[in-house]
PDB file of N, CA and C in Angstrom:
ATOM      1  N   MET A   1     -51.294  46.380 -53.132  1.00  0.00           N
ATOM      2  CA  MET A   1     -51.789  46.188 -51.772  1.00  0.00           C
ATOM      3  C   MET A   1     -52.930  45.169 -51.753  1.00  0.00           C
ATOM      4  N   GLU A   2     -53.378  44.763 -52.932  1.00  0.00           N
ATOM      5  CA  GLU A   2     -54.480  43.806 -52.996  1.00  0.00           C
ATOM      6  C   GLU A   2     -54.110  42.450 -52.399  1.00  0.00           C
ATOM      7  N   LYS A   3     -52.926  41.941 -52.742  1.00  0.00           N
ATOM      8  CA  LYS A   3     -52.497  40.650 -52.195  1.00  0.00           C
ATOM      9  C   LYS A   3     -52.291  40.742 -50.683  1.00  0.00           C
ATOM     10  N   LEU A   4     -51.720  41.840 -50.227  1.00  0.00           N
ATOM     11  CA  LEU A   4     -51.519  42.044 -48.794  1.00  0.00           C
ATOM     12  C   LEU A   4     -52.857  42.126 -48.078  1.00  0.00           C
ATOM     13  N   SER A   5     -53.807  42.825 -48.658  1.00  0.00           N
ATOM     14  CA  SER A   5     -55.148  42.933 -48.068  1.00  0.00           C
ATOM     15  C   SER A   5     -55.789  41.565 -47.937  1.00  0.00           C
ATOM     16  N   GLN A   6     -55.640  40.726 -48.949  1.00  0.00           N
ATOM     17  CA  GLN A   6     -56.223  39.382 -48.902  1.00  0.00           C
ATOM     18  C   GLN A   6     -55.614  38.555 -47.780  1.00  0.00           C
ATOM     19  N   ILE A   7     -54.303  38.663 -47.598  1.00  0.00           N
ATOM     20  CA  ILE A   7     -53.640  37.951 -46.503  1.00  0.00           C
ATOM     21  C   ILE A   7     -54.223  38.404 -45.166  1.00  0.00           C
ATOM     22  N   ILE A   8     -54.383  39.707 -45.000  1.00  0.00           N
ATOM     23  CA  ILE A   8     -54.916  40.264 -43.747  1.00  0.00           C
ATOM     24  C   ILE A   8     -56.344  39.800 -43.518  1.00  0.00           C
ATOM     25  N   TRP A   9     -57.187  39.858 -44.563  1.00  0.00           N
ATOM     26  CA  TRP A   9     -58.583  39.430 -44.411  1.00  0.00           C
ATOM     27  C   TRP A   9     -58.659  37.962 -44.031  1.00  0.00           C
ATOM     28  N   ASN A  10     -57.783  37.123 -44.602  1.00  0.00           N
ATOM     29  CA  ASN A  10     -57.787  35.698 -44.269  1.00  0.00           C
ATOM     30  C   ASN A  10     -57.427  35.462 -42.808  1.00  0.00           C
ATOM     31  N   ILE A  11     -56.445  36.188 -42.309  1.00  0.00           N
ATOM     32  CA  ILE A  11     -56.057  36.045 -40.902  1.00  0.00           C
ATOM     33  C   ILE A  11     -57.211  36.491 -40.000  1.00  0.00           C
ATOM     34  N   ARG A  12     -57.825  37.619 -40.318  1.00  0.00           N
ATOM     35  CA  ARG A  12     -58.957  38.111 -39.518  1.00  0.00           C
ATOM     36  C   ARG A  12     -60.126  37.138 -39.572  1.00  0.00           C
ATOM     37  N   LYS A  13     -60.382  36.579 -40.735  1.00  0.00           N
ATOM     38  CA  LYS A  13     -61.477  35.605 -40.884  1.00  0.00           C
ATOM     39  C   LYS A  13     -61.219  34.377 -40.015  1.00  0.00           C
ATOM     40  N   ASN A  14     -59.971  33.894 -40.019  1.00  0.00           N
ATOM     41  CA  ASN A  14     -59.608  32.739 -39.198  1.00  0.00           C
ATOM     42  C   ASN A  14     -59.762  33.018 -37.709  1.00  0.00           C
ATOM     43  N   LYS A  15     -59.659  34.293 -37.318  1.00  0.00           N
ATOM     44  CA  LYS A  15     -59.849  34.691 -35.914  1.00  0.00           C
ATOM     45  C   LYS A  15     -61.331  34.872 -35.579  1.00  0.00           C
ATOM     46  N   GLY A  16     -62.188  34.798 -36.596  1.00  0.00           N
ATOM     47  CA  GLY A  16     -63.609  35.004 -36.378  1.00  0.00           C
ATOM     48  C   GLY A  16     -64.013  36.463 -36.408  1.00  0.00           C
ATOM     49  N   ILE A  17     -63.148  37.313 -36.957  1.00  0.00           N
ATOM     50  CA  ILE A  17     -63.443  38.736 -37.064  1.00  0.00           C
ATOM     51  C   ILE A  17     -63.975  39.000 -38.463  1.00  0.00           C
ATOM     52  N   SER A  18     -65.236  39.354 -38.543  1.00  0.00           N
ATOM     53  CA  SER A  18     -65.831  39.563 -39.855  1.00  0.00           C
ATOM     54  C   SER A  18     -66.114  41.030 -40.146  1.00  0.00           C
ATOM     55  N   GLU A  19     -65.921  41.881 -39.147  1.00  0.00           N
ATOM     56  CA  GLU A  19     -66.200  43.296 -39.354  1.00  0.00           C
ATOM     57  C   GLU A  19     -65.243  43.892 -40.377  1.00  0.00           C
ATOM     58  N   ASP A  20     -65.800  44.731 -41.224  1.00  0.00           N
ATOM     59  CA  ASP A  20     -64.980  45.402 -42.235  1.00  0.00           C
ATOM     60  C   ASP A  20     -64.238  46.571 -41.610  1.00  0.00           C
ATOM     61  N   ILE A  21     -63.042  46.770 -42.084  1.00  0.00           N
ATOM     62  CA  ILE A  21     -62.243  47.911 -41.665  1.00  0.00           C
ATOM     63  C   ILE A  21     -61.518  48.406 -42.912  1.00  0.00           C
ATOM     64  N   GLU A  22     -61.453  49.704 -43.048  1.00  0.00           N
ATOM     65  CA  GLU A  22     -60.733  50.263 -44.185  1.00  0.00           C
ATOM     66  C   GLU A  22     -59.241  50.120 -43.942  1.00  0.00           C
ATOM     67  N   LEU A  23     -58.582  49.494 -44.888  1.00  0.00           N
ATOM     68  CA  LEU A  23     -57.134  49.313 -44.777  1.00  0.00           C
ATOM     69  C   LEU A  23     -56.434  50.473 -45.466  1.00  0.00           C
ATOM     70  N   THR A  24     -55.593  51.159 -44.702  1.00  0.00           N
ATOM     71  CA  THR A  24     -54.787  52.260 -45.235  1.00  0.00           C
ATOM     72  C   THR A  24     -53.354  52.060 -44.771  1.00  0.00           C
ATOM     73  N   ARG A  25     -52.471  52.877 -45.256  1.00  0.00           N
ATOM     74  CA  ARG A  25     -51.070  52.796 -44.816  1.00  0.00           C
ATOM     75  C   ARG A  25     -50.944  53.054 -43.310  1.00  0.00           C
ATOM     76  N   ALA A  26     -51.884  53.780 -42.744  1.00  0.00           N
ATOM     77  CA  ALA A  26     -51.828  54.107 -41.315  1.00  0.00           C
ATOM     78  C   ALA A  26     -52.449  53.028 -40.430  1.00  0.00           C
ATOM     79  N   THR A  27     -53.069  52.006 -41.019  1.00  0.00           N
ATOM     80  CA  THR A  27     -53.696  50.946 -40.232  1.00  0.00           C
ATOM     81  C   THR A  27     -52.639  50.242 -39.391  1.00  0.00           C
ATOM     82  N   ARG A  28     -52.889  50.200 -38.070  1.00  0.00           N
ATOM     83  CA  ARG A  28     -51.950  49.575 -37.131  1.00  0.00           C
ATOM     84  C   ARG A  28     -52.301  48.094 -36.962  1.00  0.00           C
ATOM     85  N   LEU A  29     -51.283  47.254 -36.993  1.00  0.00           N
ATOM     86  CA  LEU A  29     -51.494  45.814 -36.950  1.00  0.00           C
ATOM     87  C   LEU A  29     -52.130  45.357 -35.640  1.00  0.00           C
ATOM     88  N   ARG A  30     -51.598  45.802 -34.531  1.00  0.00           N
ATOM     89  CA  ARG A  30     -52.124  45.359 -33.235  1.00  0.00           C
ATOM     90  C   ARG A  30     -53.396  46.104 -32.831  1.00  0.00           C
ATOM     91  N   GLU A  31     -53.347  47.405 -32.894  1.00  0.00           N
ATOM     92  CA  GLU A  31     -54.455  48.207 -32.377  1.00  0.00           C
ATOM     93  C   GLU A  31     -55.682  48.185 -33.282  1.00  0.00           C
ATOM     94  N   ASP A  32     -55.498  48.344 -34.586  1.00  0.00           N
ATOM     95  CA  ASP A  32     -56.624  48.445 -35.507  1.00  0.00           C
ATOM     96  C   ASP A  32     -57.110  47.087 -36.019  1.00  0.00           C
ATOM     97  N   LEU A  33     -56.167  46.170 -36.235  1.00  0.00           N
ATOM     98  CA  LEU A  33     -56.532  44.864 -36.774  1.00  0.00           C
ATOM     99  C   LEU A  33     -56.674  43.794 -35.699  1.00  0.00           C
ATOM    100  N   SER A  34     -56.322  44.126 -34.459  1.00  0.00           N
ATOM    101  CA  SER A  34     -56.400  43.193 -33.322  1.00  0.00           C
ATOM    102  C   SER A  34     -55.507  41.973 -33.515  1.00  0.00           C
ATOM    103  N   PHE A  35     -54.341  42.164 -34.145  1.00  0.00           N
ATOM    104  CA  PHE A  35     -53.405  41.067 -34.340  1.00  0.00           C
ATOM    105  C   PHE A  35     -52.591  40.854 -33.071  1.00  0.00           C
ATOM    106  N   ASP A  36     -52.470  39.586 -32.672  1.00  0.00           N
ATOM    107  CA  ASP A  36     -51.600  39.238 -31.558  1.00  0.00           C
ATOM    108  C   ASP A  36     -50.305  38.647 -32.136  1.00  0.00           C
ATOM    109  N   SER A  37     -49.450  38.148 -31.278  1.00  0.00           N
ATOM    110  CA  SER A  37     -48.152  37.637 -31.729  1.00  0.00           C
ATOM    111  C   SER A  37     -48.307  36.483 -32.718  1.00  0.00           C
ATOM    112  N   PHE A  38     -49.268  35.603 -32.475  1.00  0.00           N
ATOM    113  CA  PHE A  38     -49.507  34.486 -33.383  1.00  0.00           C
ATOM    114  C   PHE A  38     -49.939  35.000 -34.759  1.00  0.00           C
ATOM    115  N   ASP A  39     -50.824  35.988 -34.770  1.00  0.00           N
ATOM    116  CA  ASP A  39     -51.295  36.557 -36.039  1.00  0.00           C
ATOM    117  C   ASP A  39     -50.151  37.219 -36.801  1.00  0.00           C
ATOM    118  N   LEU A  40     -49.276  37.901 -36.078  1.00  0.00           N
ATOM    119  CA  LEU A  40     -48.124  38.548 -36.717  1.00  0.00           C
ATOM    120  C   LEU A  40     -47.171  37.509 -37.306  1.00  0.00           C
ATOM    121  N   ALA A  41     -47.024  36.379 -36.627  1.00  0.00           N
ATOM    122  CA  ALA A  41     -46.197  35.298 -37.162  1.00  0.00           C
ATOM    123  C   ALA A  41     -46.826  34.736 -38.435  1.00  0.00           C
ATOM    124  N   GLU A  42     -48.139  34.550 -38.415  1.00  0.00           N
ATOM    125  CA  GLU A  42     -48.847  34.057 -39.592  1.00  0.00           C
ATOM    126  C   GLU A  42     -48.734  35.056 -40.742  1.00  0.00           C
ATOM    127  N   LEU A  43     -48.864  36.334 -40.429  1.00  0.00           N
ATOM    128  CA  LEU A  43     -48.716  37.383 -41.426  1.00  0.00           C
ATOM    129  C   LEU A  43     -47.326  37.331 -42.054  1.00  0.00           C
ATOM    130  N   THR A  44     -46.314  37.196 -41.226  1.00  0.00           N
ATOM    131  CA  THR A  44     -44.930  37.146 -41.701  1.00  0.00           C
ATOM    132  C   THR A  44     -44.721  35.985 -42.662  1.00  0.00           C
ATOM    133  N   VAL A  45     -45.202  34.815 -42.285  1.00  0.00           N
ATOM    134  CA  VAL A  45     -45.041  33.627 -43.129  1.00  0.00           C
ATOM    135  C   VAL A  45     -45.779  33.802 -44.452  1.00  0.00           C
ATOM    136  N   ASN A  46     -47.001  34.289 -44.393  1.00  0.00           N
ATOM    137  CA  ASN A  46     -47.785  34.455 -45.617  1.00  0.00           C
ATOM    138  C   ASN A  46     -47.194  35.512 -46.539  1.00  0.00           C
ATOM    139  N   VAL A  47     -46.730  36.618 -45.983  1.00  0.00           N
ATOM    140  CA  VAL A  47     -46.125  37.665 -46.805  1.00  0.00           C
ATOM    141  C   VAL A  47     -44.835  37.138 -47.433  1.00  0.00           C
ATOM    142  N   GLU A  48     -44.065  36.390 -46.672  1.00  0.00           N
ATOM    143  CA  GLU A  48     -42.830  35.840 -47.220  1.00  0.00           C
ATOM    144  C   GLU A  48     -43.127  34.835 -48.333  1.00  0.00           C
ATOM    145  N   ASP A  49     -44.169  34.019 -48.164  1.00  0.00           N
ATOM    146  CA  ASP A  49     -44.551  33.062 -49.209  1.00  0.00           C
ATOM    147  C   ASP A  49     -44.968  33.771 -50.496  1.00  0.00           C
ATOM    148  N   VAL A  50     -45.745  34.836 -50.362  1.00  0.00           N
ATOM    149  CA  VAL A  50     -46.279  35.533 -51.537  1.00  0.00           C
ATOM    150  C   VAL A  50     -45.273  36.488 -52.162  1.00  0.00           C
ATOM    151  N   PHE A  51     -44.573  37.247 -51.316  1.00  0.00           N
ATOM    152  CA  PHE A  51     -43.697  38.309 -51.818  1.00  0.00           C
ATOM    153  C   PHE A  51     -42.204  37.991 -51.732  1.00  0.00           C
ATOM    154  N   GLY A  52     -41.844  36.952 -50.963  1.00  0.00           N
ATOM    155  CA  GLY A  52     -40.435  36.605 -50.808  1.00  0.00           C
ATOM    156  C   GLY A  52     -39.668  37.555 -49.917  1.00  0.00           C
ATOM    157  N   VAL A  53     -40.379  38.254 -49.029  1.00  0.00           N
ATOM    158  CA  VAL A  53     -39.751  39.247 -48.144  1.00  0.00           C
ATOM    159  C   VAL A  53     -40.122  38.944 -46.693  1.00  0.00           C
ATOM    160  N   ASP A  54     -39.101  38.901 -45.817  1.00  0.00           N
ATOM    161  CA  ASP A  54     -39.345  38.770 -44.376  1.00  0.00           C
ATOM    162  C   ASP A  54     -39.525  40.181 -43.828  1.00  0.00           C
ATOM    163  N   ILE A  55     -40.771  40.542 -43.532  1.00  0.00           N
ATOM    164  CA  ILE A  55     -41.077  41.922 -43.152  1.00  0.00           C
ATOM    165  C   ILE A  55     -40.497  42.323 -41.801  1.00  0.00           C
ATOM    166  N   PHE A  56     -40.165  41.359 -40.957  1.00  0.00           N
ATOM    167  CA  PHE A  56     -39.618  41.678 -39.639  1.00  0.00           C
ATOM    168  C   PHE A  56     -38.102  41.492 -39.584  1.00  0.00           C
ATOM    169  N   GLU A  57     -37.467  41.190 -40.715  1.00  0.00           N
ATOM    170  CA  GLU A  57     -36.036  40.906 -40.730  1.00  0.00           C
ATOM    171  C   GLU A  57     -35.202  42.080 -40.221  1.00  0.00           C
ATOM    172  N   SER A  58     -35.598  43.290 -40.589  1.00  0.00           N
ATOM    173  CA  SER A  58     -34.768  44.444 -40.213  1.00  0.00           C
ATOM    174  C   SER A  58     -35.449  45.368 -39.214  1.00  0.00           C
ATOM    175  N   GLY A  59     -36.342  44.822 -38.402  1.00  0.00           N
ATOM    176  CA  GLY A  59     -36.946  45.639 -37.360  1.00  0.00           C
ATOM    177  C   GLY A  59     -38.440  45.432 -37.227  1.00  0.00           C
ATOM    178  N   ILE A  60     -39.012  46.172 -36.320  1.00  0.00           N
ATOM    179  CA  ILE A  60     -40.430  46.057 -35.999  1.00  0.00           C
ATOM    180  C   ILE A  60     -41.279  46.721 -37.073  1.00  0.00           C
ATOM    181  N   VAL A  61     -42.401  46.090 -37.359  1.00  0.00           N
ATOM    182  CA  VAL A  61     -43.379  46.613 -38.305  1.00  0.00           C
ATOM    183  C   VAL A  61     -44.654  46.868 -37.519  1.00  0.00           C
ATOM    184  N   GLU A  62     -45.171  48.086 -37.580  1.00  0.00           N
ATOM    185  CA  GLU A  62     -46.355  48.424 -36.797  1.00  0.00           C
ATOM    186  C   GLU A  62     -47.583  48.767 -37.627  1.00  0.00           C
ATOM    187  N   THR A  63     -47.368  49.209 -38.874  1.00  0.00           N
ATOM    188  CA  THR A  63     -48.487  49.631 -39.717  1.00  0.00           C
ATOM    189  C   THR A  63     -48.413  48.958 -41.088  1.00  0.00           C
ATOM    190  N   LEU A  64     -49.513  49.037 -41.832  1.00  0.00           N
ATOM    191  CA  LEU A  64     -49.504  48.518 -43.193  1.00  0.00           C
ATOM    192  C   LEU A  64     -48.532  49.307 -44.055  1.00  0.00           C
ATOM    193  N   GLY A  65     -48.375  50.590 -43.768  1.00  0.00           N
ATOM    194  CA  GLY A  65     -47.404  51.398 -44.497  1.00  0.00           C
ATOM    195  C   GLY A  65     -45.990  50.881 -44.305  1.00  0.00           C
ATOM    196  N   ASP A  66     -45.669  50.448 -43.080  1.00  0.00           N
ATOM    197  CA  ASP A  66     -44.349  49.878 -42.825  1.00  0.00           C
ATOM    198  C   ASP A  66     -44.125  48.644 -43.700  1.00  0.00           C
ATOM    199  N   ILE A  67     -45.160  47.808 -43.818  1.00  0.00           N
ATOM    200  CA  ILE A  67     -45.053  46.610 -44.647  1.00  0.00           C
ATOM    201  C   ILE A  67     -44.882  46.985 -46.114  1.00  0.00           C
ATOM    202  N   CYS A  68     -45.707  47.909 -46.584  1.00  0.00           N
ATOM    203  CA  CYS A  68     -45.623  48.345 -47.984  1.00  0.00           C
ATOM    204  C   CYS A  68     -44.241  48.900 -48.305  1.00  0.00           C
ATOM    205  N   ASP A  69     -43.670  49.659 -47.376  1.00  0.00           N
ATOM    206  CA  ASP A  69     -42.329  50.210 -47.580  1.00  0.00           C
ATOM    207  C   ASP A  69     -41.297  49.097 -47.731  1.00  0.00           C
ATOM    208  N   LYS A  70     -41.405  48.067 -46.915  1.00  0.00           N
ATOM    209  CA  LYS A  70     -40.455  46.956 -46.988  1.00  0.00           C
ATOM    210  C   LYS A  70     -40.645  46.161 -48.278  1.00  0.00           C
ATOM    211  N   LEU A  71     -41.872  46.039 -48.727  1.00  0.00           N
ATOM    212  CA  LEU A  71     -42.141  45.296 -49.960  1.00  0.00           C
ATOM    213  C   LEU A  71     -41.645  46.057 -51.181  1.00  0.00           C
ATOM    214  N   SER A  72     -41.688  47.368 -51.122  1.00  0.00           N
ATOM    215  CA  SER A  72     -41.281  48.158 -52.286  1.00  0.00           C
ATOM    216  C   SER A  72     -39.771  48.359 -52.379  1.00  0.00           C
ATOM    217  N   THR A  73     -39.071  48.158 -51.273  1.00  0.00           N
ATOM    218  CA  THR A  73     -37.629  48.359 -51.290  1.00  0.00           C
ATOM    219  C   THR A  73     -36.865  47.078 -51.533  1.00  0.00           C
ATOM    220  N   ASP A  74     -37.540  45.946 -51.383  1.00  0.00           N
ATOM    221  CA  ASP A  74     -36.853  44.656 -51.587  1.00  0.00           C
ATOM    222  C   ASP A  74     -37.221  44.042 -52.911  1.00  0.00           C
TER     223      ASP A  74
END
């Protein structure tokens, strides 16, 4: 989850969000991380570059746990 966390922190930093938040499997992308559609697109591209997995290919992803599940099954 370290590489995924770094991707998330970079997106938040680019948005000007510097507040720390504990990342858990239950962390929600939109509500907890304040990700909008552009941020989710950036997340998708970065995760695919690093892990080789399109996290939205087979449906909606709402939490970090959803992402982790997709990364562990592919």
